[in-house]
Amino acid sequence: MKITNKILYYPILALSIFSIGLLLLSAYSSYFYPQDYPYLAISGLLFLVFLVINVCFAIIWLFIRRRYVFIVLPAFLLCYPQIQSYIPFHFHTEKLPEGSFKMLSYNVMCFGYLKKNNNKNAVLTYVKNQNADILCMQEYDVSKNKDYLTQNDIDEELKSYPYRNIQKEFACYSKFPILSAKLIDCKTNLGAACYELKIGKDTVMLINCHLESNKLTREDRVLYKDMLKAPKTGSIKRETHQLTAKLADA
């Protein structure tokens, strides 16, 4: 019986330790530079999968050998910040902490191509209704044609924001003074803008960043689905490398 137990436990223990390693690797994947370690850098996309696998192992150990649960628990503690990010626990409170403020970062995509309906723009209305203290917008654009969204339209809707800065496709509307603003040069076509805001007695640096897409085309998505449905040994390595390179560069 003891020999049978060892034959059963050792493979499960090995798999459990291996899955813990994958969990920790995916949890701290952001520390790997994508250009040098593309596979490690994007392993964080599988963090939730590895988390579920380890939860299953913890349940298995509870039934067959409880003390081995303490192998998995430290991994959960080490990954607590990442778990909190994926599964946040929010407790409702009527009273906000003193000095808190609300910020909205939003890619307005030219405000839905500057369309107006009954002299209103749906994207602008949404942004206004969030009642944030600071608005950071990317792909900001306006028209000089009054049939479309103009700068005057936006200023009228967002008149509760006395401080504003607009540079190229970046806009910041703030209820706090904007001390300085400058564009940040990036290697890509997108980029970012940097602002210094006076909030109370503090000077706060704020980065308004236009995030890139994952660069996956429709053809790439079809390729990915085909790989899952019917992987071909001869091409799966090449296709995996192709998709990984795009994600790492994104």
C-alpha atoms as a PDB file:
ATOM      1  CA  MET A   1       0.000   0.000   0.000  1.00  0.00           C
ATOM      2  CA  LYS A   2       2.850   2.383   0.855  1.00  0.00           C
ATOM      3  CA  ILE A   3       4.515   1.679  -2.484  1.00  0.00           C
ATOM      4  CA  THR A   4       1.212   2.374  -4.251  1.00  0.00           C
ATOM      5  CA  ASN A   5       0.848   5.635  -2.358  1.00  0.00           C
ATOM      6  CA  LYS A   6       4.339   6.731  -3.389  1.00  0.00           C
ATOM      7  CA  ILE A   7       3.627   5.912  -7.018  1.00  0.00           C
ATOM      8  CA  LEU A   8       0.497   8.050  -6.745  1.00  0.00           C
ATOM      9  CA  TYR A   9       1.859  10.955  -4.711  1.00  0.00           C
ATOM     10  CA  TYR A  10       5.207  11.594  -6.373  1.00  0.00           C
ATOM     11  CA  PRO A  11       3.877  12.343  -9.872  1.00  0.00           C
ATOM     12  CA  ILE A  12       1.150  14.576  -8.404  1.00  0.00           C
ATOM     13  CA  LEU A  13       3.724  16.313  -6.208  1.00  0.00           C
ATOM     14  CA  ALA A  14       6.025  16.865  -9.189  1.00  0.00           C
ATOM     15  CA  LEU A  15       3.180  18.289 -11.274  1.00  0.00           C
ATOM     16  CA  SER A  16       2.090  20.490  -8.366  1.00  0.00           C
ATOM     17  CA  ILE A  17       5.589  21.935  -7.928  1.00  0.00           C
ATOM     18  CA  PHE A  18       5.885  22.446 -11.688  1.00  0.00           C
ATOM     19  CA  SER A  19       2.544  24.296 -11.782  1.00  0.00           C
ATOM     20  CA  ILE A  20       3.682  26.482  -8.866  1.00  0.00           C
ATOM     21  CA  GLY A  21       6.751  27.424 -10.893  1.00  0.00           C
ATOM     22  CA  LEU A  22       4.574  28.352 -13.869  1.00  0.00           C
ATOM     23  CA  LEU A  23       2.287  30.393 -11.614  1.00  0.00           C
ATOM     24  CA  LEU A  24       5.184  32.390 -10.155  1.00  0.00           C
ATOM     25  CA  LEU A  25       6.735  32.840 -13.587  1.00  0.00           C
ATOM     26  CA  SER A  26       3.506  34.210 -15.052  1.00  0.00           C
ATOM     27  CA  ALA A  27       2.888  36.393 -11.982  1.00  0.00           C
ATOM     28  CA  TYR A  28       6.211  38.196 -12.393  1.00  0.00           C
ATOM     29  CA  SER A  29       6.382  38.090 -16.190  1.00  0.00           C
ATOM     30  CA  SER A  30       6.332  41.893 -16.326  1.00  0.00           C
ATOM     31  CA  TYR A  31       9.951  41.900 -15.118  1.00  0.00           C
ATOM     32  CA  PHE A  32      11.102  40.240 -18.341  1.00  0.00           C
ATOM     33  CA  TYR A  33      11.959  42.519 -21.257  1.00  0.00           C
ATOM     34  CA  PRO A  34       9.739  41.428 -24.193  1.00  0.00           C
ATOM     35  CA  GLN A  35      12.415  41.960 -26.849  1.00  0.00           C
ATOM     36  CA  ASP A  36      14.852  39.624 -25.065  1.00  0.00           C
ATOM     37  CA  TYR A  37      12.432  37.127 -23.509  1.00  0.00           C
ATOM     38  CA  PRO A  38       9.215  37.215 -25.570  1.00  0.00           C
ATOM     39  CA  TYR A  39       7.767  33.929 -24.306  1.00  0.00           C
ATOM     40  CA  LEU A  40       8.432  34.727 -20.660  1.00  0.00           C
ATOM     41  CA  ALA A  41       7.142  38.287 -21.033  1.00  0.00           C
ATOM     42  CA  ILE A  42       3.729  37.223 -22.341  1.00  0.00           C
ATOM     43  CA  SER A  43       3.345  34.274 -19.963  1.00  0.00           C
ATOM     44  CA  GLY A  44       1.376  36.636 -17.731  1.00  0.00           C
ATOM     45  CA  LEU A  45      -1.535  36.201 -20.141  1.00  0.00           C
ATOM     46  CA  LEU A  46      -1.872  32.683 -18.706  1.00  0.00           C
ATOM     47  CA  PHE A  47      -1.694  33.733 -15.055  1.00  0.00           C
ATOM     48  CA  LEU A  48      -5.373  33.060 -14.403  1.00  0.00           C
ATOM     49  CA  VAL A  49      -5.084  29.602 -15.997  1.00  0.00           C
ATOM     50  CA  PHE A  50      -2.128  28.670 -13.779  1.00  0.00           C
ATOM     51  CA  LEU A  51      -3.936  30.094 -10.755  1.00  0.00           C
ATOM     52  CA  VAL A  52      -6.953  27.842 -11.361  1.00  0.00           C
ATOM     53  CA  ILE A  53      -4.665  24.828 -11.849  1.00  0.00           C
ATOM     54  CA  ASN A  54      -2.979  25.487  -8.507  1.00  0.00           C
ATOM     55  CA  VAL A  55      -6.316  25.933  -6.762  1.00  0.00           C
ATOM     56  CA  CYS A  56      -7.265  22.495  -8.115  1.00  0.00           C
ATOM     57  CA  PHE A  57      -4.016  21.036  -6.766  1.00  0.00           C
ATOM     58  CA  ALA A  58      -4.719  22.600  -3.359  1.00  0.00           C
ATOM     59  CA  ILE A  59      -8.142  20.936  -3.316  1.00  0.00           C
ATOM     60  CA  ILE A  60      -6.606  17.599  -4.335  1.00  0.00           C
ATOM     61  CA  TRP A  61      -4.060  17.814  -1.502  1.00  0.00           C
ATOM     62  CA  LEU A  62      -6.839  18.513   0.993  1.00  0.00           C
ATOM     63  CA  PHE A  63      -8.333  15.141   0.137  1.00  0.00           C
ATOM     64  CA  ILE A  64      -5.250  12.953  -0.237  1.00  0.00           C
ATOM     65  CA  ARG A  65      -2.519  14.554   1.936  1.00  0.00           C
ATOM     66  CA  ARG A  66      -3.392  17.772   3.733  1.00  0.00           C
ATOM     67  CA  ARG A  67       0.100  18.819   4.758  1.00  0.00           C
ATOM     68  CA  TYR A  68       1.053  19.251   1.100  1.00  0.00           C
ATOM     69  CA  VAL A  69      -1.412  22.131   0.880  1.00  0.00           C
ATOM     70  CA  PHE A  70       1.317  24.202   2.548  1.00  0.00           C
ATOM     71  CA  ILE A  71       3.381  23.769  -0.615  1.00  0.00           C
ATOM     72  CA  VAL A  72       0.765  25.686  -2.610  1.00  0.00           C
ATOM     73  CA  LEU A  73      -0.219  28.333  -0.044  1.00  0.00           C
ATOM     74  CA  PRO A  74       3.125  30.233  -0.088  1.00  0.00           C
ATOM     75  CA  ALA A  75       2.763  30.557  -3.868  1.00  0.00           C
ATOM     76  CA  PHE A  76      -0.647  32.163  -3.390  1.00  0.00           C
ATOM     77  CA  LEU A  77       0.858  34.608  -0.885  1.00  0.00           C
ATOM     78  CA  LEU A  78       3.705  35.502  -3.246  1.00  0.00           C
ATOM     79  CA  CYS A  79       1.161  36.121  -6.004  1.00  0.00           C
ATOM     80  CA  TYR A  80      -1.294  38.053  -3.857  1.00  0.00           C
ATOM     81  CA  PRO A  81      -0.760  41.417  -5.654  1.00  0.00           C
ATOM     82  CA  GLN A  82      -1.443  39.767  -9.013  1.00  0.00           C
ATOM     83  CA  ILE A  83      -4.455  37.893  -7.638  1.00  0.00           C
ATOM     84  CA  GLN A  84      -5.772  41.188  -6.287  1.00  0.00           C
ATOM     85  CA  SER A  85      -5.398  42.685  -9.769  1.00  0.00           C
ATOM     86  CA  TYR A  86      -7.291  39.869 -11.474  1.00  0.00           C
ATOM     87  CA  ILE A  87      -9.871  39.363  -8.727  1.00  0.00           C
ATOM     88  CA  PRO A  88     -10.119  42.707  -6.894  1.00  0.00           C
ATOM     89  CA  PHE A  89     -12.108  42.958  -3.692  1.00  0.00           C
ATOM     90  CA  HIS A  90     -13.900  46.273  -3.378  1.00  0.00           C
ATOM     91  CA  PHE A  91     -15.805  47.231  -0.259  1.00  0.00           C
ATOM     92  CA  HIS A  92     -18.368  49.958  -0.783  1.00  0.00           C
ATOM     93  CA  THR A  93     -17.986  53.056   1.315  1.00  0.00           C
ATOM     94  CA  GLU A  94     -19.936  56.277   1.276  1.00  0.00           C
ATOM     95  CA  LYS A  95     -17.020  58.296   2.607  1.00  0.00           C
ATOM     96  CA  LEU A  96     -14.023  58.671   0.302  1.00  0.00           C
ATOM     97  CA  PRO A  97     -10.534  59.099   1.792  1.00  0.00           C
ATOM     98  CA  GLU A  98      -9.492  62.701   2.280  1.00  0.00           C
ATOM     99  CA  GLY A  99      -7.492  64.026  -0.653  1.00  0.00           C
ATOM    100  CA  SER A 100      -8.691  61.344  -3.072  1.00  0.00           C
ATOM    101  CA  PHE A 101      -9.537  62.187  -6.665  1.00  0.00           C
ATOM    102  CA  LYS A 102     -11.008  60.425  -9.671  1.00  0.00           C
ATOM    103  CA  MET A 103      -9.157  60.104 -12.962  1.00  0.00           C
ATOM    104  CA  LEU A 104     -10.385  58.810 -16.318  1.00  0.00           C
ATOM    105  CA  SER A 105      -8.093  57.680 -19.133  1.00  0.00           C
ATOM    106  CA  TYR A 106      -9.994  57.056 -22.346  1.00  0.00           C
ATOM    107  CA  ASN A 107      -9.175  56.453 -25.997  1.00  0.00           C
ATOM    108  CA  VAL A 108     -11.971  58.520 -27.535  1.00  0.00           C
ATOM    109  CA  MET A 109     -11.140  57.374 -31.097  1.00  0.00           C
ATOM    110  CA  CYS A 110     -11.856  60.809 -32.556  1.00  0.00           C
ATOM    111  CA  PHE A 111     -15.117  60.881 -30.567  1.00  0.00           C
ATOM    112  CA  GLY A 112     -16.688  58.261 -32.815  1.00  0.00           C
ATOM    113  CA  TYR A 113     -15.401  60.076 -35.904  1.00  0.00           C
ATOM    114  CA  LEU A 114     -16.820  63.380 -34.626  1.00  0.00           C
ATOM    115  CA  LYS A 115     -20.440  62.388 -35.191  1.00  0.00           C
ATOM    116  CA  LYS A 116     -23.244  64.326 -33.502  1.00  0.00           C
ATOM    117  CA  ASN A 117     -26.806  63.204 -32.886  1.00  0.00           C
ATOM    118  CA  ASN A 118     -29.258  65.955 -31.926  1.00  0.00           C
ATOM    119  CA  ASN A 119     -26.217  68.166 -31.420  1.00  0.00           C
ATOM    120  CA  LYS A 120     -24.760  65.672 -28.921  1.00  0.00           C
ATOM    121  CA  ASN A 121     -21.828  63.290 -29.176  1.00  0.00           C
ATOM    122  CA  ALA A 122     -22.215  59.948 -27.386  1.00  0.00           C
ATOM    123  CA  VAL A 123     -18.532  59.567 -26.502  1.00  0.00           C
ATOM    124  CA  LEU A 124     -18.259  63.107 -25.141  1.00  0.00           C
ATOM    125  CA  THR A 125     -21.448  62.641 -23.115  1.00  0.00           C
ATOM    126  CA  TYR A 126     -20.053  59.448 -21.610  1.00  0.00           C
ATOM    127  CA  VAL A 127     -16.764  61.135 -20.677  1.00  0.00           C
ATOM    128  CA  LYS A 128     -18.602  64.053 -19.078  1.00  0.00           C
ATOM    129  CA  ASN A 129     -20.963  61.804 -17.099  1.00  0.00           C
ATOM    130  CA  GLN A 130     -18.052  60.032 -15.396  1.00  0.00           C
ATOM    131  CA  ASN A 131     -17.519  63.234 -13.396  1.00  0.00           C
ATOM    132  CA  ALA A 132     -13.795  62.596 -13.049  1.00  0.00           C
ATOM    133  CA  ASP A 133     -11.451  65.199 -11.598  1.00  0.00           C
ATOM    134  CA  ILE A 134      -8.894  64.567 -14.340  1.00  0.00           C
ATOM    135  CA  LEU A 135      -9.593  63.472 -17.917  1.00  0.00           C
ATOM    136  CA  CYS A 136      -6.827  62.006 -20.065  1.00  0.00           C
ATOM    137  CA  MET A 137      -7.870  61.397 -23.650  1.00  0.00           C
ATOM    138  CA  GLN A 138      -6.045  59.768 -26.542  1.00  0.00           C
ATOM    139  CA  GLU A 139      -6.843  59.986 -30.266  1.00  0.00           C
ATOM    140  CA  TYR A 140      -8.318  63.395 -29.504  1.00  0.00           C
ATOM    141  CA  ASP A 141      -9.517  65.275 -32.574  1.00  0.00           C
ATOM    142  CA  VAL A 142     -12.030  67.982 -33.479  1.00  0.00           C
ATOM    143  CA  SER A 143     -13.568  69.427 -36.621  1.00  0.00           C
ATOM    144  CA  LYS A 144     -13.943  72.985 -37.865  1.00  0.00           C
ATOM    145  CA  ASN A 145     -17.235  72.007 -39.489  1.00  0.00           C
ATOM    146  CA  LYS A 146     -20.107  72.823 -37.117  1.00  0.00           C
ATOM    147  CA  ASP A 147     -22.031  69.803 -38.371  1.00  0.00           C
ATOM    148  CA  TYR A 148     -19.438  67.723 -36.534  1.00  0.00           C
ATOM    149  CA  LEU A 149     -17.842  67.956 -33.102  1.00  0.00           C
ATOM    150  CA  THR A 150     -15.832  71.158 -32.699  1.00  0.00           C
ATOM    151  CA  GLN A 151     -13.481  72.393 -30.001  1.00  0.00           C
ATOM    152  CA  ASN A 152     -16.177  74.808 -28.836  1.00  0.00           C
ATOM    153  CA  ASP A 153     -18.594  71.889 -28.403  1.00  0.00           C
ATOM    154  CA  ILE A 154     -16.121  70.071 -26.198  1.00  0.00           C
ATOM    155  CA  ASP A 155     -15.214  73.151 -24.166  1.00  0.00           C
ATOM    156  CA  GLU A 156     -18.896  73.826 -23.538  1.00  0.00           C
ATOM    157  CA  GLU A 157     -19.590  70.263 -22.389  1.00  0.00           C
ATOM    158  CA  LEU A 158     -16.469  70.165 -20.220  1.00  0.00           C
ATOM    159  CA  LYS A 159     -16.703  73.692 -18.848  1.00  0.00           C
ATOM    160  CA  SER A 160     -16.390  72.383 -15.289  1.00  0.00           C
ATOM    161  CA  TYR A 161     -12.704  71.727 -16.072  1.00  0.00           C
ATOM    162  CA  PRO A 162     -10.912  75.095 -15.855  1.00  0.00           C
ATOM    163  CA  TYR A 163      -7.496  73.672 -16.757  1.00  0.00           C
ATOM    164  CA  ARG A 164      -6.765  71.956 -20.048  1.00  0.00           C
ATOM    165  CA  ASN A 165      -3.923  71.101 -22.362  1.00  0.00           C
ATOM    166  CA  ILE A 166      -4.172  69.754 -25.914  1.00  0.00           C
ATOM    167  CA  GLN A 167      -1.152  68.593 -27.902  1.00  0.00           C
ATOM    168  CA  LYS A 168      -1.501  66.594 -31.101  1.00  0.00           C
ATOM    169  CA  GLU A 169      -3.784  63.655 -30.253  1.00  0.00           C
ATOM    170  CA  PHE A 170      -3.483  64.022 -26.473  1.00  0.00           C
ATOM    171  CA  ALA A 171      -5.781  66.075 -24.262  1.00  0.00           C
ATOM    172  CA  CYS A 172      -5.899  66.611 -20.523  1.00  0.00           C
ATOM    173  CA  TYR A 173      -8.852  68.339 -18.851  1.00  0.00           C
ATOM    174  CA  SER A 174      -8.343  68.918 -15.155  1.00  0.00           C
ATOM    175  CA  LYS A 175      -9.958  70.476 -12.113  1.00  0.00           C
ATOM    176  CA  PHE A 176      -6.436  70.899 -10.741  1.00  0.00           C
ATOM    177  CA  PRO A 177      -3.881  73.388 -12.124  1.00  0.00           C
ATOM    178  CA  ILE A 178      -1.672  72.039 -14.922  1.00  0.00           C
ATOM    179  CA  LEU A 179       1.819  73.385 -14.223  1.00  0.00           C
ATOM    180  CA  SER A 180       3.537  71.992 -17.309  1.00  0.00           C
ATOM    181  CA  ALA A 181       2.945  69.700 -20.263  1.00  0.00           C
ATOM    182  CA  LYS A 182       5.162  68.095 -22.878  1.00  0.00           C
ATOM    183  CA  LEU A 183       5.079  65.293 -25.418  1.00  0.00           C
ATOM    184  CA  ILE A 184       7.197  62.192 -24.857  1.00  0.00           C
ATOM    185  CA  ASP A 185       9.073  60.910 -27.890  1.00  0.00           C
ATOM    186  CA  CYS A 186       8.575  57.201 -28.494  1.00  0.00           C
ATOM    187  CA  LYS A 187       9.922  54.783 -31.071  1.00  0.00           C
ATOM    188  CA  THR A 188       6.402  53.920 -32.174  1.00  0.00           C
ATOM    189  CA  ASN A 189       3.900  56.078 -34.030  1.00  0.00           C
ATOM    190  CA  LEU A 190       1.811  56.541 -30.895  1.00  0.00           C
ATOM    191  CA  GLY A 191       3.566  58.022 -27.881  1.00  0.00           C
ATOM    192  CA  ALA A 192       2.541  59.799 -24.694  1.00  0.00           C
ATOM    193  CA  ALA A 193       2.223  63.168 -23.008  1.00  0.00           C
ATOM    194  CA  CYS A 194       3.509  64.149 -19.589  1.00  0.00           C
ATOM    195  CA  TYR A 195       1.838  66.666 -17.266  1.00  0.00           C
ATOM    196  CA  GLU A 196       2.672  68.152 -13.894  1.00  0.00           C
ATOM    197  CA  LEU A 197      -0.423  68.918 -11.824  1.00  0.00           C
ATOM    198  CA  LYS A 198      -0.761  70.804  -8.570  1.00  0.00           C
ATOM    199  CA  ILE A 199      -2.971  68.701  -6.316  1.00  0.00           C
ATOM    200  CA  GLY A 200      -3.222  70.205  -2.859  1.00  0.00           C
ATOM    201  CA  LYS A 201       0.325  70.770  -1.644  1.00  0.00           C
ATOM    202  CA  ASP A 202       1.756  68.118  -3.947  1.00  0.00           C
ATOM    203  CA  THR A 203       3.057  68.283  -7.498  1.00  0.00           C
ATOM    204  CA  VAL A 204       1.937  65.132  -9.299  1.00  0.00           C
ATOM    205  CA  MET A 205       3.408  63.843 -12.555  1.00  0.00           C
ATOM    206  CA  LEU A 206       0.814  62.302 -14.858  1.00  0.00           C
ATOM    207  CA  ILE A 207       1.522  60.268 -18.016  1.00  0.00           C
ATOM    208  CA  ASN A 208      -1.152  60.194 -20.709  1.00  0.00           C
ATOM    209  CA  CYS A 209      -0.140  57.165 -22.767  1.00  0.00           C
ATOM    210  CA  HIS A 210      -1.600  55.958 -26.051  1.00  0.00           C
ATOM    211  CA  LEU A 211      -1.317  52.189 -25.690  1.00  0.00           C
ATOM    212  CA  GLU A 212      -0.647  50.100 -28.763  1.00  0.00           C
ATOM    213  CA  SER A 213      -2.911  47.292 -29.886  1.00  0.00           C
ATOM    214  CA  ASN A 214      -1.710  43.692 -29.800  1.00  0.00           C
ATOM    215  CA  LYS A 215      -1.191  44.009 -33.578  1.00  0.00           C
ATOM    216  CA  LEU A 216      -3.061  40.789 -34.292  1.00  0.00           C
ATOM    217  CA  THR A 217      -4.825  40.982 -37.646  1.00  0.00           C
ATOM    218  CA  ARG A 218      -7.941  39.054 -38.654  1.00  0.00           C
ATOM    219  CA  GLU A 219      -5.660  36.551 -40.384  1.00  0.00           C
ATOM    220  CA  ASP A 220      -3.668  36.068 -37.166  1.00  0.00           C
ATOM    221  CA  ARG A 221      -6.854  35.370 -35.219  1.00  0.00           C
ATOM    222  CA  VAL A 222      -7.975  32.806 -37.785  1.00  0.00           C
ATOM    223  CA  LEU A 223      -4.515  31.224 -37.593  1.00  0.00           C
ATOM    224  CA  TYR A 224      -4.769  31.015 -33.798  1.00  0.00           C
ATOM    225  CA  LYS A 225      -8.195  29.347 -33.954  1.00  0.00           C
ATOM    226  CA  ASP A 226      -6.937  26.845 -36.540  1.00  0.00           C
ATOM    227  CA  MET A 227      -3.995  25.993 -34.279  1.00  0.00           C
ATOM    228  CA  LEU A 228      -6.365  25.209 -31.413  1.00  0.00           C
ATOM    229  CA  LYS A 229      -8.794  23.173 -33.496  1.00  0.00           C
ATOM    230  CA  ALA A 230      -6.333  21.169 -35.570  1.00  0.00           C
ATOM    231  CA  PRO A 231      -2.669  21.790 -34.772  1.00  0.00           C
ATOM    232  CA  LYS A 232      -0.282  20.652 -37.477  1.00  0.00           C
ATOM    233  CA  THR A 233       3.054  19.428 -36.177  1.00  0.00           C
ATOM    234  CA  GLY A 234       4.984  20.807 -39.118  1.00  0.00           C
ATOM    235  CA  SER A 235       3.766  24.382 -38.835  1.00  0.00           C
ATOM    236  CA  ILE A 236       2.695  24.938 -35.227  1.00  0.00           C
ATOM    237  CA  LYS A 237       6.205  25.959 -34.126  1.00  0.00           C
ATOM    238  CA  ARG A 238       6.484  28.541 -36.894  1.00  0.00           C
ATOM    239  CA  GLU A 239       2.965  29.883 -36.280  1.00  0.00           C
ATOM    240  CA  THR A 240       3.495  30.078 -32.520  1.00  0.00           C
ATOM    241  CA  HIS A 241       6.710  32.023 -33.029  1.00  0.00           C
ATOM    242  CA  GLN A 242       4.915  34.383 -35.436  1.00  0.00           C
ATOM    243  CA  LEU A 243       2.112  35.182 -32.972  1.00  0.00           C
ATOM    244  CA  THR A 244       4.445  35.438 -29.980  1.00  0.00           C
ATOM    245  CA  ALA A 245       6.715  37.890 -31.782  1.00  0.00           C
ATOM    246  CA  LYS A 246       3.736  40.155 -32.505  1.00  0.00           C
ATOM    247  CA  LEU A 247       2.496  40.058 -28.912  1.00  0.00           C
ATOM    248  CA  ALA A 248       5.966  40.726 -27.531  1.00  0.00           C
ATOM    249  CA  ASP A 249       6.380  43.730 -29.795  1.00  0.00           C
ATOM    250  CA  ALA A 250       2.947  45.166 -28.912  1.00  0.00           C
END
